[in-house]
Every structure is written in structure tokens, then in C-alpha cells.
Amino acid sequence: MTLFELGKQYIEESKRVLSTKQRLQERLKGADFYQSAELKDRIAILSEMADECRRTGELLCAYYNFS
């Protein structure tokens, strides 16, 4: 597996994480106070994970352009 292929996998994983985040945001609309606090925490974590996966994927895909 090349770094470019690995980068593409990271970008795809970022999309899956964002999809999960969107589902949690939908659940947030009908959640009570305690559920909403937990969901907001999970959404924040997923946002960070998606960003990190996307950035890592972009760096790996562009690795040979930097060297």
C-alpha cells in the first residue's frame, strides 16, 4: 500500500466519522438535558477525529509533492 492509498483511506474514514456526527446531531434535537450534554461531548470528539483524519489523509496524499 502506498502513502497515497493510505491517505485516501484516512479521507474516507473522515467522511464516515462525519456521517456518524450528523446522525448524533439529529438525535440531539429530541434529547433531554442529560442526553444532550453527552451527545454534545461525543459530537465534539467526532469533529476533532474527522478533522484529524482529513488532515492526515491530505498530508499523506500530498507527501511526494513535498519531497
N, C-alpha and C. Protein backbone atom coordinates (compact mmCIF):
# COMPACT_ATOMS: atom_id res chain seq x y z
N MET A 1 0.85 -1.18 0.00
CA MET A 1 0.00 0.00 0.00
C MET A 1 0.90 1.25 0.00
N THR A 2 0.54 2.18 -0.85
CA THR A 2 1.33 3.41 -0.93
C THR A 2 0.81 4.44 0.07
N LEU A 3 1.59 5.47 0.29
CA LEU A 3 1.15 6.55 1.16
C LEU A 3 -0.09 7.24 0.60
N PHE A 4 -0.16 7.35 -0.73
CA PHE A 4 -1.33 7.96 -1.35
C PHE A 4 -2.59 7.14 -1.07
N GLU A 5 -2.49 5.83 -1.20
CA GLU A 5 -3.64 4.96 -0.92
C GLU A 5 -4.04 5.05 0.55
N LEU A 6 -3.05 5.07 1.42
CA LEU A 6 -3.33 5.22 2.85
C LEU A 6 -4.01 6.55 3.14
N GLY A 7 -3.55 7.60 2.49
CA GLY A 7 -4.17 8.91 2.64
C GLY A 7 -5.62 8.91 2.22
N LYS A 8 -5.91 8.23 1.11
CA LYS A 8 -7.30 8.12 0.65
C LYS A 8 -8.17 7.39 1.68
N GLN A 9 -7.61 6.38 2.33
CA GLN A 9 -8.35 5.66 3.37
C GLN A 9 -8.66 6.58 4.55
N TYR A 10 -7.69 7.40 4.92
CA TYR A 10 -7.92 8.35 6.00
C TYR A 10 -9.03 9.34 5.64
N ILE A 11 -9.04 9.80 4.41
CA ILE A 11 -10.07 10.74 3.97
C ILE A 11 -11.45 10.07 3.98
N GLU A 12 -11.52 8.82 3.54
CA GLU A 12 -12.78 8.08 3.58
C GLU A 12 -13.25 7.88 5.02
N GLU A 13 -12.32 7.59 5.90
CA GLU A 13 -12.68 7.43 7.32
C GLU A 13 -13.22 8.74 7.88
N SER A 14 -12.64 9.84 7.47
CA SER A 14 -13.13 11.15 7.89
C SER A 14 -14.59 11.33 7.49
N LYS A 15 -14.92 10.90 6.29
CA LYS A 15 -16.31 11.01 5.81
C LYS A 15 -17.25 10.13 6.64
N ARG A 16 -16.79 8.94 7.02
CA ARG A 16 -17.62 8.05 7.86
C ARG A 16 -17.83 8.66 9.25
N VAL A 17 -16.79 9.26 9.79
CA VAL A 17 -16.91 9.89 11.11
C VAL A 17 -17.88 11.07 11.04
N LEU A 18 -17.80 11.85 9.97
CA LEU A 18 -18.73 12.98 9.80
C LEU A 18 -20.17 12.50 9.67
N SER A 19 -20.37 11.36 9.02
CA SER A 19 -21.70 10.79 8.90
C SER A 19 -22.26 10.41 10.27
N THR A 20 -21.42 9.81 11.09
CA THR A 20 -21.83 9.46 12.46
C THR A 20 -22.15 10.72 13.25
N LYS A 21 -21.34 11.73 13.08
CA LYS A 21 -21.56 13.01 13.76
C LYS A 21 -22.91 13.60 13.37
N GLN A 22 -23.25 13.54 12.10
CA GLN A 22 -24.53 14.08 11.64
C GLN A 22 -25.70 13.33 12.24
N ARG A 23 -25.57 12.00 12.35
CA ARG A 23 -26.65 11.21 12.99
C ARG A 23 -26.83 11.62 14.45
N LEU A 24 -25.72 11.86 15.14
CA LEU A 24 -25.81 12.28 16.54
C LEU A 24 -26.43 13.68 16.65
N GLN A 25 -26.13 14.54 15.70
CA GLN A 25 -26.72 15.88 15.71
C GLN A 25 -28.24 15.81 15.52
N GLU A 26 -28.70 14.85 14.73
CA GLU A 26 -30.14 14.66 14.57
C GLU A 26 -30.76 14.18 15.88
N ARG A 27 -30.09 13.26 16.56
CA ARG A 27 -30.59 12.77 17.85
C ARG A 27 -30.62 13.87 18.90
N LEU A 28 -29.73 14.83 18.76
CA LEU A 28 -29.63 15.92 19.72
C LEU A 28 -30.91 16.74 19.78
N LYS A 29 -31.61 16.83 18.65
CA LYS A 29 -32.82 17.65 18.59
C LYS A 29 -33.90 17.18 19.55
N GLY A 30 -34.00 15.87 19.79
CA GLY A 30 -35.04 15.36 20.67
C GLY A 30 -34.53 14.89 22.02
N ALA A 31 -33.31 15.23 22.35
CA ALA A 31 -32.69 14.73 23.58
C ALA A 31 -33.04 15.60 24.78
N ASP A 32 -33.09 14.96 25.96
CA ASP A 32 -33.28 15.73 27.18
C ASP A 32 -31.94 16.35 27.60
N PHE A 33 -31.95 17.05 28.72
CA PHE A 33 -30.78 17.79 29.17
C PHE A 33 -29.54 16.90 29.31
N TYR A 34 -29.69 15.76 29.99
CA TYR A 34 -28.53 14.90 30.25
C TYR A 34 -28.05 14.22 28.98
N GLN A 35 -29.00 13.78 28.16
CA GLN A 35 -28.61 13.17 26.89
C GLN A 35 -27.92 14.18 25.98
N SER A 36 -28.43 15.40 25.98
CA SER A 36 -27.83 16.41 25.10
C SER A 36 -26.40 16.74 25.52
N ALA A 37 -26.14 16.75 26.82
CA ALA A 37 -24.77 17.01 27.28
C ALA A 37 -23.83 15.91 26.80
N GLU A 38 -24.27 14.66 26.92
CA GLU A 38 -23.45 13.54 26.46
C GLU A 38 -23.27 13.57 24.95
N LEU A 39 -24.34 13.84 24.23
CA LEU A 39 -24.26 13.89 22.77
C LEU A 39 -23.34 15.02 22.30
N LYS A 40 -23.42 16.16 22.96
CA LYS A 40 -22.55 17.28 22.58
C LYS A 40 -21.08 16.93 22.77
N ASP A 41 -20.77 16.22 23.86
CA ASP A 41 -19.39 15.78 24.09
C ASP A 41 -18.93 14.83 22.99
N ARG A 42 -19.80 13.88 22.63
CA ARG A 42 -19.44 12.91 21.59
C ARG A 42 -19.29 13.60 20.24
N ILE A 43 -20.16 14.56 19.96
CA ILE A 43 -20.09 15.31 18.70
C ILE A 43 -18.78 16.09 18.62
N ALA A 44 -18.38 16.69 19.71
CA ALA A 44 -17.12 17.44 19.73
C ALA A 44 -15.93 16.52 19.46
N ILE A 45 -15.94 15.34 20.07
CA ILE A 45 -14.86 14.38 19.87
C ILE A 45 -14.82 13.92 18.41
N LEU A 46 -16.01 13.63 17.85
CA LEU A 46 -16.06 13.18 16.47
C LEU A 46 -15.61 14.26 15.50
N SER A 47 -15.91 15.51 15.82
CA SER A 47 -15.46 16.62 14.97
C SER A 47 -13.94 16.67 14.92
N GLU A 48 -13.32 16.53 16.08
CA GLU A 48 -11.86 16.53 16.13
C GLU A 48 -11.27 15.33 15.39
N MET A 49 -11.90 14.17 15.56
CA MET A 49 -11.43 12.97 14.88
C MET A 49 -11.52 13.13 13.36
N ALA A 50 -12.63 13.66 12.88
CA ALA A 50 -12.82 13.84 11.44
C ALA A 50 -11.80 14.81 10.88
N ASP A 51 -11.58 15.91 11.58
CA ASP A 51 -10.58 16.89 11.14
C ASP A 51 -9.19 16.27 11.08
N GLU A 52 -8.85 15.52 12.11
CA GLU A 52 -7.52 14.90 12.16
C GLU A 52 -7.35 13.87 11.05
N CYS A 53 -8.37 13.07 10.80
CA CYS A 53 -8.31 12.09 9.72
C CYS A 53 -8.16 12.79 8.37
N ARG A 54 -8.93 13.84 8.16
CA ARG A 54 -8.87 14.56 6.89
C ARG A 54 -7.48 15.17 6.68
N ARG A 55 -6.96 15.85 7.71
CA ARG A 55 -5.64 16.48 7.60
C ARG A 55 -4.55 15.45 7.35
N THR A 56 -4.61 14.35 8.08
CA THR A 56 -3.61 13.29 7.91
C THR A 56 -3.69 12.72 6.49
N GLY A 57 -4.91 12.48 6.03
CA GLY A 57 -5.10 11.96 4.68
C GLY A 57 -4.57 12.91 3.63
N GLU A 58 -4.84 14.18 3.79
CA GLU A 58 -4.34 15.16 2.82
C GLU A 58 -2.82 15.22 2.82
N LEU A 59 -2.22 15.15 3.99
CA LEU A 59 -0.75 15.16 4.07
C LEU A 59 -0.15 13.92 3.42
N LEU A 60 -0.75 12.77 3.67
CA LEU A 60 -0.23 11.54 3.09
C LEU A 60 -0.38 11.55 1.57
N CYS A 61 -1.52 12.04 1.07
CA CYS A 61 -1.74 12.10 -0.38
C CYS A 61 -0.76 13.05 -1.05
N ALA A 62 -0.38 14.09 -0.36
CA ALA A 62 0.50 15.10 -0.96
C ALA A 62 1.96 14.88 -0.59
N TYR A 63 2.30 13.80 0.08
CA TYR A 63 3.65 13.58 0.59
C TYR A 63 4.71 13.72 -0.49
N TYR A 64 4.48 13.10 -1.63
CA TYR A 64 5.51 13.13 -2.67
C TYR A 64 5.61 14.50 -3.34
N ASN A 65 4.62 15.32 -3.19
CA ASN A 65 4.69 16.69 -3.73
C ASN A 65 5.61 17.56 -2.87
N PHE A 66 5.74 17.19 -1.57
CA PHE A 66 6.57 17.98 -0.65
C PHE A 66 8.03 17.58 -0.73
N SER A 67 8.32 16.37 -1.16
CA SER A 67 9.73 15.91 -1.14
C SER A 67 10.41 16.11 -2.46
